[in-house]
Amino acid sequence: MSTPDHTTPGASNPPVQRRVRIHTGPPPVTSNGDRPLRESVFELDNVAIAYGSNIAVAGVNMRIQRNLVTAFIGPSGCGKTTLIRSLNRMNDSVPGFDINGEIRYHGHNLYGRGADRVEVRRRIGMVFQKPNPFPKSIFDNVAWAARNLGMRKGLHERVEEALRAAALWDEVKDRLKDSALGLSGGQQQRLCIARTIAIEPDVVLLDEPASALDPISTQAIEELVHTLKTRYTIVIVTHNMQQAARVADRTAFFSLDASPDGTQQCGTLIEYNDTEKIFNDPADLRTRDYVTGRFG
């Protein structure tokens, strides 16, 4: 399951001769100057992902647009997390991982031979299901990636700005030298978001960011998502239908269906549309049954 233009994880590939420069400036305006066009950040064409002989997801075609919140919903095992992790190449180190089709980021093939994984992950940050602060101070957690990338100029201002953007500054500004492990679960998750945005990414991926949090902390994360989408393109995986309805501009519903060769079931994109349409007037009966709680 590989194409000639793809770099298969684990394979012996020639060294990259150049670094692909990805331009993520403001979207163009229409010819009459009325308003900005809604630019596609990701374009997925017939994407299929497998781990060895197990097909996780297949036949995915979609466009993810700039400065919107896009939610992936669907029952467990339908490939949502696999797909979101493929958007910044987090699956590359998973044994047996293989990808077919094409994922383009601002027109650049993320799995092409010229793609720099470090650059990809700098521009496309990710926050995981469980908060994972480092056993370091609050300040050092937020500064960690910036230091590693050589972004040391104005580091204190960068850390403060990231903590403010993550709605955490007022809670931690007097204890930046304290261990991040002493924060509550909700604070730790916002710290991880601050750590992600401190290096000024273009996209923030959120893999069930509130599933381990209490309702108050969940509300704080959802409010934060609304604020952040003015600066970032956000993709979120969630099992919480109400959360998807509250935070997402567009929603993709995935479910299990027969694989292209008919030998097994795999994740399939059933329907992708504006969130209001998905929840109030879905085109597919399977979508209706899922969002109304009849299955899943």
C-alpha atoms as a PDB file:
ATOM      1  CA  MET A   1       0.000   0.000   0.000  1.00  0.00           C
ATOM      2  CA  SER A   2       2.476   2.624  -1.061  1.00  0.00           C
ATOM      3  CA  THR A   3       2.880   4.994  -3.949  1.00  0.00           C
ATOM      4  CA  PRO A   4       6.116   5.858  -5.716  1.00  0.00           C
ATOM      5  CA  ASP A   5       6.104   9.398  -4.318  1.00  0.00           C
ATOM      6  CA  HIS A   6       5.756   8.344  -0.703  1.00  0.00           C
ATOM      7  CA  THR A   7       8.420   7.834   1.900  1.00  0.00           C
ATOM      8  CA  THR A   8       7.562   4.525   3.510  1.00  0.00           C
ATOM      9  CA  PRO A   9       8.407   4.588   7.246  1.00  0.00           C
ATOM     10  CA  GLY A  10      11.306   2.334   8.045  1.00  0.00           C
ATOM     11  CA  ALA A  11      12.478   2.084   4.446  1.00  0.00           C
ATOM     12  CA  SER A  12      15.924   3.112   3.260  1.00  0.00           C
ATOM     13  CA  ASN A  13      15.428   6.363   1.372  1.00  0.00           C
ATOM     14  CA  PRO A  14      17.904   8.744  -0.259  1.00  0.00           C
ATOM     15  CA  PRO A  15      18.738  11.810   1.816  1.00  0.00           C
ATOM     16  CA  VAL A  16      16.530  14.822   1.324  1.00  0.00           C
ATOM     17  CA  GLN A  17      18.395  17.319  -0.828  1.00  0.00           C
ATOM     18  CA  ARG A  18      16.286  20.332   0.030  1.00  0.00           C
ATOM     19  CA  ARG A  19      13.855  21.476   2.655  1.00  0.00           C
ATOM     20  CA  VAL A  20      10.343  22.142   1.392  1.00  0.00           C
ATOM     21  CA  ARG A  21       9.287  25.656   2.330  1.00  0.00           C
ATOM     22  CA  ILE A  22       5.612  25.829   3.142  1.00  0.00           C
ATOM     23  CA  HIS A  23       3.946  29.206   2.791  1.00  0.00           C
ATOM     24  CA  THR A  24       1.013  29.797   5.127  1.00  0.00           C
ATOM     25  CA  GLY A  25       0.295  33.473   4.673  1.00  0.00           C
ATOM     26  CA  PRO A  26      -3.145  35.055   4.700  1.00  0.00           C
ATOM     27  CA  PRO A  27      -5.713  33.557   2.322  1.00  0.00           C
ATOM     28  CA  PRO A  28      -6.329  35.345  -0.974  1.00  0.00           C
ATOM     29  CA  VAL A  29      -9.293  37.647  -1.482  1.00  0.00           C
ATOM     30  CA  THR A  30     -12.005  37.345  -4.097  1.00  0.00           C
ATOM     31  CA  SER A  31     -11.748  39.344  -7.297  1.00  0.00           C
ATOM     32  CA  ASN A  32     -14.325  41.856  -6.092  1.00  0.00           C
ATOM     33  CA  GLY A  33     -12.625  42.203  -2.710  1.00  0.00           C
ATOM     34  CA  ASP A  34     -15.727  41.196  -0.757  1.00  0.00           C
ATOM     35  CA  ARG A  35     -14.205  38.723   1.691  1.00  0.00           C
ATOM     36  CA  PRO A  36     -11.379  36.204   2.030  1.00  0.00           C
ATOM     37  CA  LEU A  37     -11.753  32.886   0.279  1.00  0.00           C
ATOM     38  CA  ARG A  38     -11.865  29.908   2.635  1.00  0.00           C
ATOM     39  CA  GLU A  39      -8.535  28.273   1.927  1.00  0.00           C
ATOM     40  CA  SER A  40      -7.968  24.522   2.154  1.00  0.00           C
ATOM     41  CA  VAL A  41      -5.173  23.714   4.587  1.00  0.00           C
ATOM     42  CA  PHE A  42      -5.335  19.927   4.100  1.00  0.00           C
ATOM     43  CA  GLU A  43      -6.451  18.022   1.026  1.00  0.00           C
ATOM     44  CA  LEU A  44      -6.897  14.274   1.465  1.00  0.00           C
ATOM     45  CA  ASP A  45      -7.248  12.269  -1.735  1.00  0.00           C
ATOM     46  CA  ASN A  46      -8.210   8.596  -1.493  1.00  0.00           C
ATOM     47  CA  VAL A  47      -6.219   8.153   1.728  1.00  0.00           C
ATOM     48  CA  ALA A  48      -5.868   4.610   3.076  1.00  0.00           C
ATOM     49  CA  ILE A  49      -3.851   3.699   6.167  1.00  0.00           C
ATOM     50  CA  ALA A  50      -2.874   0.229   7.323  1.00  0.00           C
ATOM     51  CA  TYR A  51      -0.811  -1.390  10.060  1.00  0.00           C
ATOM     52  CA  GLY A  52       0.585  -4.471   8.411  1.00  0.00           C
ATOM     53  CA  SER A  53      -2.362  -6.380   6.929  1.00  0.00           C
ATOM     54  CA  ASN A  54      -4.905  -4.537   9.101  1.00  0.00           C
ATOM     55  CA  ILE A  55      -6.569  -1.687   7.201  1.00  0.00           C
ATOM     56  CA  ALA A  56      -7.423   1.081   9.675  1.00  0.00           C
ATOM     57  CA  VAL A  57      -9.122   3.514   7.306  1.00  0.00           C
ATOM     58  CA  ALA A  58      -9.610   3.662   3.554  1.00  0.00           C
ATOM     59  CA  GLY A  59     -11.014   5.827   0.786  1.00  0.00           C
ATOM     60  CA  VAL A  60     -10.901   9.151   2.646  1.00  0.00           C
ATOM     61  CA  ASN A  61     -11.441  12.234   0.490  1.00  0.00           C
ATOM     62  CA  MET A  62     -11.877  15.586   2.234  1.00  0.00           C
ATOM     63  CA  ARG A  63     -10.725  19.185   2.467  1.00  0.00           C
ATOM     64  CA  ILE A  64     -10.000  20.797   5.833  1.00  0.00           C
ATOM     65  CA  GLN A  65     -10.350  24.554   5.718  1.00  0.00           C
ATOM     66  CA  ARG A  66      -8.417  27.368   7.311  1.00  0.00           C
ATOM     67  CA  ASN A  67      -9.439  28.884  10.676  1.00  0.00           C
ATOM     68  CA  LEU A  68     -12.292  26.454  11.185  1.00  0.00           C
ATOM     69  CA  VAL A  69     -12.745  23.761  13.823  1.00  0.00           C
ATOM     70  CA  THR A  70     -13.205  20.390  12.123  1.00  0.00           C
ATOM     71  CA  ALA A  71     -14.420  17.498  14.283  1.00  0.00           C
ATOM     72  CA  PHE A  72     -13.896  13.780  13.587  1.00  0.00           C
ATOM     73  CA  ILE A  73     -16.672  11.711  15.173  1.00  0.00           C
ATOM     74  CA  GLY A  74     -17.642   8.045  15.005  1.00  0.00           C
ATOM     75  CA  PRO A  75     -17.583   4.786  16.974  1.00  0.00           C
ATOM     76  CA  SER A  76     -14.402   3.357  18.457  1.00  0.00           C
ATOM     77  CA  GLY A  77     -12.114   1.651  15.981  1.00  0.00           C
ATOM     78  CA  CYS A  78     -13.220   3.591  12.889  1.00  0.00           C
ATOM     79  CA  GLY A  79      -9.833   5.248  12.295  1.00  0.00           C
ATOM     80  CA  LYS A  80     -10.373   8.767  13.682  1.00  0.00           C
ATOM     81  CA  THR A  81      -7.203   8.861  15.773  1.00  0.00           C
ATOM     82  CA  THR A  82      -5.182   7.095  13.083  1.00  0.00           C
ATOM     83  CA  LEU A  83      -6.250   9.718  10.576  1.00  0.00           C
ATOM     84  CA  ILE A  84      -5.624  12.768  12.760  1.00  0.00           C
ATOM     85  CA  ARG A  85      -2.169  11.413  13.674  1.00  0.00           C
ATOM     86  CA  SER A  86      -1.396  11.050   9.986  1.00  0.00           C
ATOM     87  CA  LEU A  87      -1.873  14.803   9.516  1.00  0.00           C
ATOM     88  CA  ASN A  88       1.464  15.511  11.214  1.00  0.00           C
ATOM     89  CA  ARG A  89       3.150  12.144  10.642  1.00  0.00           C
ATOM     90  CA  MET A  90       2.835  10.916  14.211  1.00  0.00           C
ATOM     91  CA  ASN A  91       2.220   7.373  12.944  1.00  0.00           C
ATOM     92  CA  ASP A  92       5.574   7.076  11.216  1.00  0.00           C
ATOM     93  CA  SER A  93       7.202   5.197  14.086  1.00  0.00           C
ATOM     94  CA  VAL A  94       4.310   2.734  14.573  1.00  0.00           C
ATOM     95  CA  PRO A  95       5.356  -0.762  13.436  1.00  0.00           C
ATOM     96  CA  GLY A  96       3.782  -1.744  10.133  1.00  0.00           C
ATOM     97  CA  PHE A  97       2.379   1.703   9.379  1.00  0.00           C
ATOM     98  CA  ASP A  98       1.742   2.275   5.698  1.00  0.00           C
ATOM     99  CA  ILE A  99      -0.180   4.984   3.862  1.00  0.00           C
ATOM    100  CA  ASN A 100      -1.608   5.184   0.376  1.00  0.00           C
ATOM    101  CA  GLY A 101      -3.240   8.080  -1.413  1.00  0.00           C
ATOM    102  CA  GLU A 102      -2.099  11.617  -0.736  1.00  0.00           C
ATOM    103  CA  ILE A 103      -2.318  14.152   2.081  1.00  0.00           C
ATOM    104  CA  ARG A 104      -1.392  17.650   0.958  1.00  0.00           C
ATOM    105  CA  TYR A 105      -0.726  20.516   3.350  1.00  0.00           C
ATOM    106  CA  HIS A 106      -0.960  23.881   1.581  1.00  0.00           C
ATOM    107  CA  GLY A 107      -0.379  21.945  -1.625  1.00  0.00           C
ATOM    108  CA  HIS A 108       2.686  20.017  -0.375  1.00  0.00           C
ATOM    109  CA  ASN A 109       2.604  16.231  -0.130  1.00  0.00           C
ATOM    110  CA  LEU A 110       3.216  15.493   3.555  1.00  0.00           C
ATOM    111  CA  TYR A 111       4.642  12.070   2.705  1.00  0.00           C
ATOM    112  CA  GLY A 112       6.637  13.141  -0.320  1.00  0.00           C
ATOM    113  CA  ARG A 113      10.402  12.733  -0.431  1.00  0.00           C
ATOM    114  CA  GLY A 114      11.016  16.449   0.055  1.00  0.00           C
ATOM    115  CA  ALA A 115       8.968  16.692   3.255  1.00  0.00           C
ATOM    116  CA  ASP A 116      10.897  17.485   6.440  1.00  0.00           C
ATOM    117  CA  ARG A 117       9.194  15.761   9.391  1.00  0.00           C
ATOM    118  CA  VAL A 118      10.592  18.246  11.889  1.00  0.00           C
ATOM    119  CA  GLU A 119       9.176  21.123   9.871  1.00  0.00           C
ATOM    120  CA  VAL A 120       5.855  19.297   9.472  1.00  0.00           C
ATOM    121  CA  ARG A 121       5.495  18.835  13.224  1.00  0.00           C
ATOM    122  CA  ARG A 122       6.518  22.402  13.942  1.00  0.00           C
ATOM    123  CA  ARG A 123       3.767  23.734  11.725  1.00  0.00           C
ATOM    124  CA  ILE A 124       1.198  21.105  12.702  1.00  0.00           C
ATOM    125  CA  GLY A 125       1.133  20.724  16.488  1.00  0.00           C
ATOM    126  CA  MET A 126      -0.703  18.026  18.422  1.00  0.00           C
ATOM    127  CA  VAL A 127      -2.279  17.690  21.864  1.00  0.00           C
ATOM    128  CA  PHE A 128      -3.070  14.183  23.044  1.00  0.00           C
ATOM    129  CA  GLN A 129      -5.932  12.572  24.934  1.00  0.00           C
ATOM    130  CA  LYS A 130      -4.184  12.499  28.294  1.00  0.00           C
ATOM    131  CA  PRO A 131      -2.214  15.537  29.474  1.00  0.00           C
ATOM    132  CA  ASN A 132       1.498  14.761  29.160  1.00  0.00           C
ATOM    133  CA  PRO A 133       3.495  17.546  30.814  1.00  0.00           C
ATOM    134  CA  PHE A 134       7.200  16.925  31.190  1.00  0.00           C
ATOM    135  CA  PRO A 135       8.638  16.524  34.712  1.00  0.00           C
ATOM    136  CA  LYS A 136       9.954  20.075  34.485  1.00  0.00           C
ATOM    137  CA  SER A 137       8.845  23.500  35.604  1.00  0.00           C
ATOM    138  CA  ILE A 138       5.801  25.169  34.064  1.00  0.00           C
ATOM    139  CA  PHE A 139       8.074  27.625  32.273  1.00  0.00           C
ATOM    140  CA  ASP A 140      10.390  24.926  30.934  1.00  0.00           C
ATOM    141  CA  ASN A 141       7.456  22.904  29.633  1.00  0.00           C
ATOM    142  CA  VAL A 142       6.236  25.777  27.479  1.00  0.00           C
ATOM    143  CA  ALA A 143       9.758  26.779  26.438  1.00  0.00           C
ATOM    144  CA  TRP A 144      10.913  23.243  25.611  1.00  0.00           C
ATOM    145  CA  ALA A 145      10.089  23.057  21.896  1.00  0.00           C
ATOM    146  CA  ALA A 146      11.102  26.665  21.253  1.00  0.00           C
ATOM    147  CA  ARG A 147      14.524  26.016  22.797  1.00  0.00           C
ATOM    148  CA  ASN A 148      14.993  22.829  20.768  1.00  0.00           C
ATOM    149  CA  LEU A 149      14.165  24.691  17.578  1.00  0.00           C
ATOM    150  CA  GLY A 150      16.559  27.528  18.360  1.00  0.00           C
ATOM    151  CA  MET A 151      13.748  30.042  18.961  1.00  0.00           C
ATOM    152  CA  ARG A 152      15.437  31.541  22.028  1.00  0.00           C
ATOM    153  CA  LYS A 153      15.048  35.238  21.296  1.00  0.00           C
ATOM    154  CA  GLY A 154      12.341  36.748  23.488  1.00  0.00           C
ATOM    155  CA  LEU A 155      11.741  33.387  25.140  1.00  0.00           C
ATOM    156  CA  HIS A 156      10.113  34.780  28.277  1.00  0.00           C
ATOM    157  CA  GLU A 157       7.706  36.856  26.208  1.00  0.00           C
ATOM    158  CA  ARG A 158       6.975  33.828  24.033  1.00  0.00           C
ATOM    159  CA  VAL A 159       6.144  31.694  27.084  1.00  0.00           C
ATOM    160  CA  GLU A 160       3.902  34.374  28.552  1.00  0.00           C
ATOM    161  CA  GLU A 161       2.072  34.878  25.271  1.00  0.00           C
ATOM    162  CA  ALA A 162       1.459  31.135  24.896  1.00  0.00           C
ATOM    163  CA  LEU A 163       0.165  30.825  28.452  1.00  0.00           C
ATOM    164  CA  ARG A 164      -2.131  33.791  27.930  1.00  0.00           C
ATOM    165  CA  ALA A 165      -3.420  32.314  24.677  1.00  0.00           C
ATOM    166  CA  ALA A 166      -4.106  29.043  26.527  1.00  0.00           C
ATOM    167  CA  ALA A 167      -6.031  30.962  29.236  1.00  0.00           C
ATOM    168  CA  LEU A 168      -3.574  29.776  31.881  1.00  0.00           C
ATOM    169  CA  TRP A 169      -1.342  32.772  32.586  1.00  0.00           C
ATOM    170  CA  ASP A 170      -3.351  34.241  35.474  1.00  0.00           C
ATOM    171  CA  GLU A 171      -3.374  30.874  37.228  1.00  0.00           C
ATOM    172  CA  VAL A 172       0.361  30.163  36.995  1.00  0.00           C
ATOM    173  CA  LYS A 173       2.181  33.480  36.562  1.00  0.00           C
ATOM    174  CA  ASP A 174       3.417  33.460  40.163  1.00  0.00           C
ATOM    175  CA  ARG A 175       4.694  29.872  40.095  1.00  0.00           C
ATOM    176  CA  LEU A 176       6.386  29.424  36.741  1.00  0.00           C
ATOM    177  CA  LYS A 177       9.311  27.659  38.429  1.00  0.00           C
ATOM    178  CA  ASP A 178       7.040  25.082  40.087  1.00  0.00           C
ATOM    179  CA  SER A 179       6.695  21.583  38.639  1.00  0.00           C
ATOM    180  CA  ALA A 180       4.047  21.242  35.958  1.00  0.00           C
ATOM    181  CA  LEU A 181       3.086  17.928  37.543  1.00  0.00           C
ATOM    182  CA  GLY A 182       1.512  19.871  40.411  1.00  0.00           C
ATOM    183  CA  LEU A 183      -1.155  21.357  38.149  1.00  0.00           C
ATOM    184  CA  SER A 184      -4.681  19.958  37.959  1.00  0.00           C
ATOM    185  CA  GLY A 185      -5.667  17.779  35.003  1.00  0.00           C
ATOM    186  CA  GLY A 186      -7.421  20.628  33.226  1.00  0.00           C
ATOM    187  CA  GLN A 187      -4.504  22.974  33.835  1.00  0.00           C
ATOM    188  CA  GLN A 188      -2.069  20.358  32.558  1.00  0.00           C
ATOM    189  CA  GLN A 189      -4.040  20.008  29.340  1.00  0.00           C
ATOM    190  CA  ARG A 190      -4.071  23.777  28.817  1.00  0.00           C
ATOM    191  CA  LEU A 191      -0.326  23.745  29.544  1.00  0.00           C
ATOM    192  CA  CYS A 192       0.125  21.171  26.784  1.00  0.00           C
ATOM    193  CA  ILE A 193      -1.844  23.439  24.447  1.00  0.00           C
ATOM    194  CA  ALA A 194       0.393  26.358  25.466  1.00  0.00           C
ATOM    195  CA  ARG A 195       3.471  24.204  24.789  1.00  0.00           C
ATOM    196  CA  THR A 196       2.090  23.406  21.326  1.00  0.00           C
ATOM    197  CA  ILE A 197       1.264  26.966  20.311  1.00  0.00           C
ATOM    198  CA  ALA A 198       4.470  28.475  21.763  1.00  0.00           C
ATOM    199  CA  ILE A 199       6.270  27.642  18.509  1.00  0.00           C
ATOM    200  CA  GLU A 200       3.594  29.380  16.426  1.00  0.00           C
ATOM    201  CA  PRO A 201       2.136  26.469  14.464  1.00  0.00           C
ATOM    202  CA  ASP A 202      -0.351  26.841  11.655  1.00  0.00           C
ATOM    203  CA  VAL A 203      -2.557  23.914  12.753  1.00  0.00           C
ATOM    204  CA  VAL A 204      -3.458  22.455  16.151  1.00  0.00           C
ATOM    205  CA  LEU A 205      -4.597  18.818  16.285  1.00  0.00           C
ATOM    206  CA  LEU A 206      -6.569  17.775  19.381  1.00  0.00           C
ATOM    207  CA  ASP A 207      -7.082  14.053  19.995  1.00  0.00           C
ATOM    208  CA  GLU A 208      -9.949  13.814  22.521  1.00  0.00           C
ATOM    209  CA  PRO A 209      -8.436  16.624  24.607  1.00  0.00           C
ATOM    210  CA  ALA A 210     -11.182  16.644  27.249  1.00  0.00           C
ATOM    211  CA  SER A 211     -12.003  12.936  27.585  1.00  0.00           C
ATOM    212  CA  ALA A 212     -10.058  12.625  30.857  1.00  0.00           C
ATOM    213  CA  LEU A 213     -11.287  15.928  32.338  1.00  0.00           C
ATOM    214  CA  ASP A 214     -14.140  16.960  34.622  1.00  0.00           C
ATOM    215  CA  PRO A 215     -17.048  19.024  33.219  1.00  0.00           C
ATOM    216  CA  ILE A 216     -15.640  22.376  34.380  1.00  0.00           C
ATOM    217  CA  SER A 217     -12.240  21.687  32.817  1.00  0.00           C
ATOM    218  CA  THR A 218     -13.972  20.398  29.671  1.00  0.00           C
ATOM    219  CA  GLN A 219     -15.870  23.670  29.368  1.00  0.00           C
ATOM    220  CA  ALA A 220     -12.598  25.600  29.729  1.00  0.00           C
ATOM    221  CA  ILE A 221     -11.027  23.572  26.897  1.00  0.00           C
ATOM    222  CA  GLU A 222     -14.048  24.112  24.654  1.00  0.00           C
ATOM    223  CA  GLU A 223     -14.024  27.863  25.276  1.00  0.00           C
ATOM    224  CA  LEU A 224     -10.315  27.859  24.511  1.00  0.00           C
ATOM    225  CA  VAL A 225     -10.914  26.084  21.200  1.00  0.00           C
ATOM    226  CA  HIS A 226     -13.372  28.805  20.177  1.00  0.00           C
ATOM    227  CA  THR A 227     -10.758  31.453  20.959  1.00  0.00           C
ATOM    228  CA  LEU A 228      -7.861  29.693  19.243  1.00  0.00           C
ATOM    229  CA  LYS A 229      -9.599  29.152  15.908  1.00  0.00           C
ATOM    230  CA  THR A 230      -9.177  32.842  15.095  1.00  0.00           C
ATOM    231  CA  ARG A 231      -5.428  32.151  14.893  1.00  0.00           C
ATOM    232  CA  TYR A 232      -5.166  28.453  14.057  1.00  0.00           C
ATOM    233  CA  THR A 233      -6.835  25.766  12.009  1.00  0.00           C
ATOM    234  CA  ILE A 234      -8.076  23.152  14.479  1.00  0.00           C
ATOM    235  CA  VAL A 235      -8.920  19.482  13.995  1.00  0.00           C
ATOM    236  CA  ILE A 236     -10.426  17.645  16.957  1.00  0.00           C
ATOM    237  CA  VAL A 237     -11.310  14.002  17.559  1.00  0.00           C
ATOM    238  CA  THR A 238     -14.155  13.563  20.024  1.00  0.00           C
ATOM    239  CA  HIS A 239     -16.576  10.850  21.154  1.00  0.00           C
ATOM    240  CA  ASN A 240     -18.771  13.491  22.766  1.00  0.00           C
ATOM    241  CA  MET A 241     -21.570  14.392  20.360  1.00  0.00           C
ATOM    242  CA  GLN A 242     -22.560  17.470  22.355  1.00  0.00           C
ATOM    243  CA  GLN A 243     -18.964  18.661  22.320  1.00  0.00           C
ATOM    244  CA  ALA A 244     -18.720  18.293  18.548  1.00  0.00           C
ATOM    245  CA  ALA A 245     -21.971  20.222  18.137  1.00  0.00           C
ATOM    246  CA  ARG A 246     -20.706  22.985  20.428  1.00  0.00           C
ATOM    247  CA  VAL A 247     -17.189  23.525  19.110  1.00  0.00           C
ATOM    248  CA  ALA A 248     -17.009  22.388  15.482  1.00  0.00           C
ATOM    249  CA  ASP A 249     -17.758  24.368  12.339  1.00  0.00           C
ATOM    250  CA  ARG A 250     -17.555  21.224  10.208  1.00  0.00           C
ATOM    251  CA  THR A 251     -17.907  17.592  11.206  1.00  0.00           C
ATOM    252  CA  ALA A 252     -16.734  14.360   9.580  1.00  0.00           C
ATOM    253  CA  PHE A 253     -18.561  11.186  10.583  1.00  0.00           C
ATOM    254  CA  PHE A 254     -16.601   7.946  10.278  1.00  0.00           C
ATOM    255  CA  SER A 255     -17.889   4.422  10.716  1.00  0.00           C
ATOM    256  CA  LEU A 256     -16.906   0.849   9.920  1.00  0.00           C
ATOM    257  CA  ASP A 257     -17.581  -0.585   6.480  1.00  0.00           C
ATOM    258  CA  ALA A 258     -16.181  -3.242   4.188  1.00  0.00           C
ATOM    259  CA  SER A 259     -12.629  -2.619   3.015  1.00  0.00           C
ATOM    260  CA  PRO A 260     -12.093  -2.000  -0.715  1.00  0.00           C
ATOM    261  CA  ASP A 261     -11.109  -5.651  -1.239  1.00  0.00           C
ATOM    262  CA  GLY A 262     -14.004  -6.909   0.886  1.00  0.00           C
ATOM    263  CA  THR A 263     -11.762  -8.943   3.197  1.00  0.00           C
ATOM    264  CA  GLN A 264     -12.287  -6.977   6.417  1.00  0.00           C
ATOM    265  CA  GLN A 265     -13.999  -3.996   7.977  1.00  0.00           C
ATOM    266  CA  CYS A 266     -12.194  -0.689   8.135  1.00  0.00           C
ATOM    267  CA  GLY A 267     -12.822   2.936   8.939  1.00  0.00           C
ATOM    268  CA  THR A 268     -14.767   4.806   6.254  1.00  0.00           C
ATOM    269  CA  LEU A 269     -15.725   8.459   5.926  1.00  0.00           C
ATOM    270  CA  ILE A 270     -19.519   8.354   5.727  1.00  0.00           C
ATOM    271  CA  GLU A 271     -20.398  12.029   5.647  1.00  0.00           C
ATOM    272  CA  TYR A 272     -18.605  15.378   5.920  1.00  0.00           C
ATOM    273  CA  ASN A 273     -20.450  18.660   6.079  1.00  0.00           C
ATOM    274  CA  ASP A 274     -21.202  21.734   8.157  1.00  0.00           C
ATOM    275  CA  THR A 275     -21.832  20.671  11.748  1.00  0.00           C
ATOM    276  CA  GLU A 276     -25.380  22.009  11.783  1.00  0.00           C
ATOM    277  CA  LYS A 277     -26.161  19.924   8.698  1.00  0.00           C
ATOM    278  CA  ILE A 278     -24.599  16.771  10.167  1.00  0.00           C
ATOM    279  CA  PHE A 279     -26.611  17.005  13.382  1.00  0.00           C
ATOM    280  CA  ASN A 280     -29.896  18.393  12.084  1.00  0.00           C
ATOM    281  CA  ASP A 281     -30.253  17.150   8.516  1.00  0.00           C
ATOM    282  CA  PRO A 282     -27.693  14.431   7.717  1.00  0.00           C
ATOM    283  CA  ALA A 283     -27.693  12.961   4.232  1.00  0.00           C
ATOM    284  CA  ASP A 284     -26.890   9.398   5.325  1.00  0.00           C
ATOM    285  CA  LEU A 285     -29.085   7.248   7.566  1.00  0.00           C
ATOM    286  CA  ARG A 286     -25.988   5.916   9.343  1.00  0.00           C
ATOM    287  CA  THR A 287     -25.041   9.446  10.340  1.00  0.00           C
ATOM    288  CA  ARG A 288     -28.546  10.100  11.648  1.00  0.00           C
ATOM    289  CA  ASP A 289     -28.517   6.907  13.694  1.00  0.00           C
ATOM    290  CA  TYR A 290     -25.148   7.743  15.227  1.00  0.00           C
ATOM    291  CA  VAL A 291     -25.767  11.368  16.183  1.00  0.00           C
ATOM    292  CA  THR A 292     -29.172  10.469  17.654  1.00  0.00           C
ATOM    293  CA  GLY A 293     -27.664   7.685  19.759  1.00  0.00           C
ATOM    294  CA  ARG A 294     -29.236   4.709  17.993  1.00  0.00           C
ATOM    295  CA  PHE A 295     -25.854   3.043  17.639  1.00  0.00           C
ATOM    296  CA  GLY A 296     -22.239   3.647  18.566  1.00  0.00           C
END
